[in-house]
Amino acid sequence: MTNKGWVLGGLAVAGLVFTIKGGCLQQTTKAPDERLATRLDELCVIARDNVGTPERGVRKLGHYMAKHAGDLMADWGNTFAAIEKISDDAKHDARARVARDRIRKPVIACARDWMRFSEAVEANPEATALVVQFNVRFNRTLEIIFSSGERKLDLLKLPTQLLP
């Protein structure tokens, strides 16, 4: 390869690295409480869109949760971790308030839609049966995982509570 080829190749690689690292293709990462708020809004959309079809809505919520429950839990945990890493009490409290407001916003905006969807589910035997079935199974899962003869979850004893 000629010197000109090496220089042009090097410039192309440098340009690509700059584009990726420099911001042209770099996406800004949302804070975990912002991601959580977005996910809560997505759940609201499912509920709102399925007030007239509650069984389908319950199934869609189930599919959404099956796909995103880990993401939701991670966003909650990462929100708490981001806040608790702040050593200055005033900044810590201010960040906690920001998280609270971000998370509350979609919940408050969706309260009416969730109520309407909930009422539609309660009025629909098939949708209600799906919710009951989920609750029974999920509670059984929690009982199996956390049972150690004690019914109360104690974080100080959590490792031993997880043992069979």
Protein backbone atom coordinates (compact mmCIF):
# COMPACT_ATOMS: atom_id res chain seq x y z
CA MET A 1 0.00 0.00 0.00
CA THR A 2 1.28 3.48 -0.79
CA ASN A 3 1.81 6.23 1.73
CA LYS A 4 -1.21 8.01 0.30
CA GLY A 5 -3.33 4.85 0.89
CA TRP A 6 -2.15 4.57 4.50
CA VAL A 7 -2.88 8.23 5.17
CA LEU A 8 -6.36 8.04 3.62
CA GLY A 9 -7.11 4.82 5.50
CA GLY A 10 -5.91 6.36 8.76
CA LEU A 11 -8.04 9.45 8.18
CA ALA A 12 -11.07 7.29 7.44
CA VAL A 13 -10.59 5.32 10.67
CA ALA A 14 -9.99 8.50 12.67
CA GLY A 15 -13.12 10.05 11.17
CA LEU A 16 -15.18 6.99 12.05
CA VAL A 17 -13.87 6.95 15.63
CA PHE A 18 -14.55 10.68 15.98
CA THR A 19 -18.05 10.26 14.61
CA ILE A 20 -18.88 7.45 17.02
CA LYS A 21 -17.09 8.80 20.11
CA GLY A 22 -17.47 12.47 19.34
CA GLY A 23 -21.20 12.53 19.44
CA CYS A 24 -22.46 12.35 15.87
CA LEU A 25 -23.64 8.79 16.39
CA GLN A 26 -23.43 8.77 20.17
CA GLN A 27 -26.81 8.63 21.85
CA THR A 28 -27.39 10.48 25.06
CA THR A 29 -28.21 8.09 27.84
CA LYS A 30 -31.33 8.86 29.79
CA ALA A 31 -31.25 8.80 33.56
CA PRO A 32 -32.84 5.65 35.00
CA ASP A 33 -35.80 7.59 36.41
CA GLU A 34 -36.43 9.04 32.94
CA ARG A 35 -36.39 5.53 31.45
CA LEU A 36 -38.73 4.38 34.20
CA ALA A 37 -41.13 7.24 33.48
CA THR A 38 -41.10 6.31 29.80
CA ARG A 39 -41.90 2.69 30.63
CA LEU A 40 -44.74 3.74 32.93
CA ASP A 41 -46.11 5.86 30.11
CA GLU A 42 -45.88 2.86 27.76
CA LEU A 43 -47.95 0.82 30.22
CA CYS A 44 -50.49 3.64 30.31
CA VAL A 45 -50.79 3.61 26.54
CA ILE A 46 -51.60 -0.10 26.64
CA ALA A 47 -54.25 0.47 29.31
CA ARG A 48 -55.74 3.50 27.53
CA ASP A 49 -55.85 1.73 24.17
CA ASN A 50 -57.61 -1.30 25.64
CA VAL A 51 -60.40 0.12 27.80
CA GLY A 52 -62.83 -1.32 25.26
CA THR A 53 -60.92 -4.61 24.97
CA PRO A 54 -59.84 -5.43 28.54
CA GLU A 55 -58.91 -9.07 27.95
CA ARG A 56 -56.62 -8.08 25.08
CA GLY A 57 -55.25 -5.28 27.27
CA VAL A 58 -54.42 -7.63 30.13
CA ARG A 59 -52.65 -9.93 27.67
CA LYS A 60 -50.71 -6.99 26.19
CA LEU A 61 -49.72 -5.83 29.66
CA GLY A 62 -48.58 -9.37 30.42
CA HIS A 63 -46.47 -9.50 27.27
CA TYR A 64 -45.01 -6.08 28.04
CA MET A 65 -44.12 -7.13 31.58
CA ALA A 66 -42.65 -10.42 30.40
CA LYS A 67 -40.39 -8.47 28.08
CA HIS A 68 -39.60 -5.48 30.32
CA ALA A 69 -39.97 -6.51 33.99
CA GLY A 70 -36.20 -6.80 34.32
CA ASP A 71 -35.75 -3.38 32.73
CA LEU A 72 -38.32 -1.86 35.08
CA MET A 73 -36.65 -3.37 38.13
CA ALA A 74 -33.23 -2.26 36.89
CA ASP A 75 -34.50 1.28 36.34
CA TRP A 76 -35.90 1.39 39.89
CA GLY A 77 -32.68 0.01 41.35
CA ASN A 78 -30.47 2.27 39.25
CA THR A 79 -32.58 5.28 40.23
CA PHE A 80 -32.01 4.53 43.90
CA ALA A 81 -28.31 3.84 43.30
CA ALA A 82 -27.83 7.10 41.39
CA ILE A 83 -29.43 9.05 44.22
CA GLU A 84 -27.61 7.24 47.03
CA LYS A 85 -24.22 7.81 45.39
CA ILE A 86 -24.61 11.54 46.01
CA SER A 87 -22.80 12.32 49.25
CA ASP A 88 -23.98 15.91 49.68
CA ASP A 89 -27.33 15.77 51.50
CA ALA A 90 -28.84 18.80 49.78
CA LYS A 91 -27.89 17.51 46.31
CA HIS A 92 -29.06 14.00 47.28
CA ASP A 93 -32.47 15.30 48.34
CA ALA A 94 -32.78 17.52 45.27
CA ARG A 95 -32.00 14.56 42.98
CA ALA A 96 -34.53 12.40 44.84
CA ARG A 97 -37.17 15.09 44.27
CA VAL A 98 -36.33 15.20 40.56
CA ALA A 99 -36.74 11.40 40.38
CA ARG A 100 -40.02 11.58 42.29
CA ASP A 101 -41.40 14.22 39.95
CA ARG A 102 -40.26 12.36 36.83
CA ILE A 103 -41.83 9.11 38.00
CA ARG A 104 -45.05 10.70 39.26
CA LYS A 105 -45.70 12.66 36.08
CA PRO A 106 -46.79 9.74 33.86
CA VAL A 107 -48.58 8.06 36.76
CA ILE A 108 -50.65 11.15 37.53
CA ALA A 109 -51.29 11.81 33.83
CA CYS A 110 -52.54 8.24 33.46
CA ALA A 111 -54.64 7.92 36.62
CA ARG A 112 -57.97 8.35 34.83
CA ASP A 113 -57.02 5.90 32.07
CA TRP A 114 -55.84 3.29 34.59
CA MET A 115 -59.09 3.66 36.52
CA ARG A 116 -61.16 3.22 33.38
CA PHE A 117 -59.08 0.20 32.34
CA SER A 118 -59.30 -1.31 35.83
CA GLU A 119 -63.07 -0.93 35.82
CA ALA A 120 -63.24 -2.53 32.37
CA VAL A 121 -61.13 -5.47 33.57
CA GLU A 122 -63.33 -5.95 36.64
CA ALA A 123 -66.43 -5.94 34.43
CA ASN A 124 -64.96 -8.54 32.07
CA PRO A 125 -64.86 -12.12 33.46
CA GLU A 126 -62.16 -13.29 31.03
CA ALA A 127 -59.87 -10.35 31.82
CA THR A 128 -60.48 -10.74 35.55
CA ALA A 129 -59.65 -14.45 35.33
CA LEU A 130 -56.32 -13.63 33.66
CA VAL A 131 -55.43 -11.16 36.41
CA VAL A 132 -56.41 -13.63 39.15
CA GLN A 133 -54.40 -16.40 37.49
CA PHE A 134 -51.34 -14.13 37.26
CA ASN A 135 -51.67 -13.04 40.91
CA VAL A 136 -51.95 -16.62 42.15
CA ARG A 137 -48.92 -17.76 40.15
CA PHE A 138 -46.81 -14.74 41.02
CA ASN A 139 -47.61 -15.01 44.73
CA ARG A 140 -46.73 -18.69 44.58
CA THR A 141 -43.41 -17.77 42.94
CA LEU A 142 -42.64 -15.28 45.70
CA GLU A 143 -43.58 -17.77 48.40
CA ILE A 144 -41.36 -20.44 46.88
CA ILE A 145 -38.38 -18.11 46.48
CA PHE A 146 -38.64 -16.40 49.86
CA SER A 147 -40.00 -19.19 52.03
CA SER A 148 -37.77 -20.33 54.84
CA GLY A 149 -40.36 -20.80 57.51
CA GLU A 150 -40.54 -17.04 57.98
CA ARG A 151 -43.25 -15.04 56.24
CA LYS A 152 -41.63 -11.67 56.86
CA LEU A 153 -38.92 -10.52 54.48
CA ASP A 154 -35.91 -9.25 56.42
CA LEU A 155 -33.11 -7.72 54.38
CA LEU A 156 -30.57 -8.55 57.08
CA LYS A 157 -31.55 -12.21 56.82
CA LEU A 158 -32.14 -12.22 53.05
CA PRO A 159 -29.26 -14.54 52.12
CA THR A 160 -30.50 -17.20 54.52
CA GLN A 161 -34.14 -16.63 53.52
CA LEU A 162 -33.19 -17.50 49.95
CA LEU A 163 -31.80 -20.89 51.02
CA PRO A 164 -34.10 -23.92 50.77
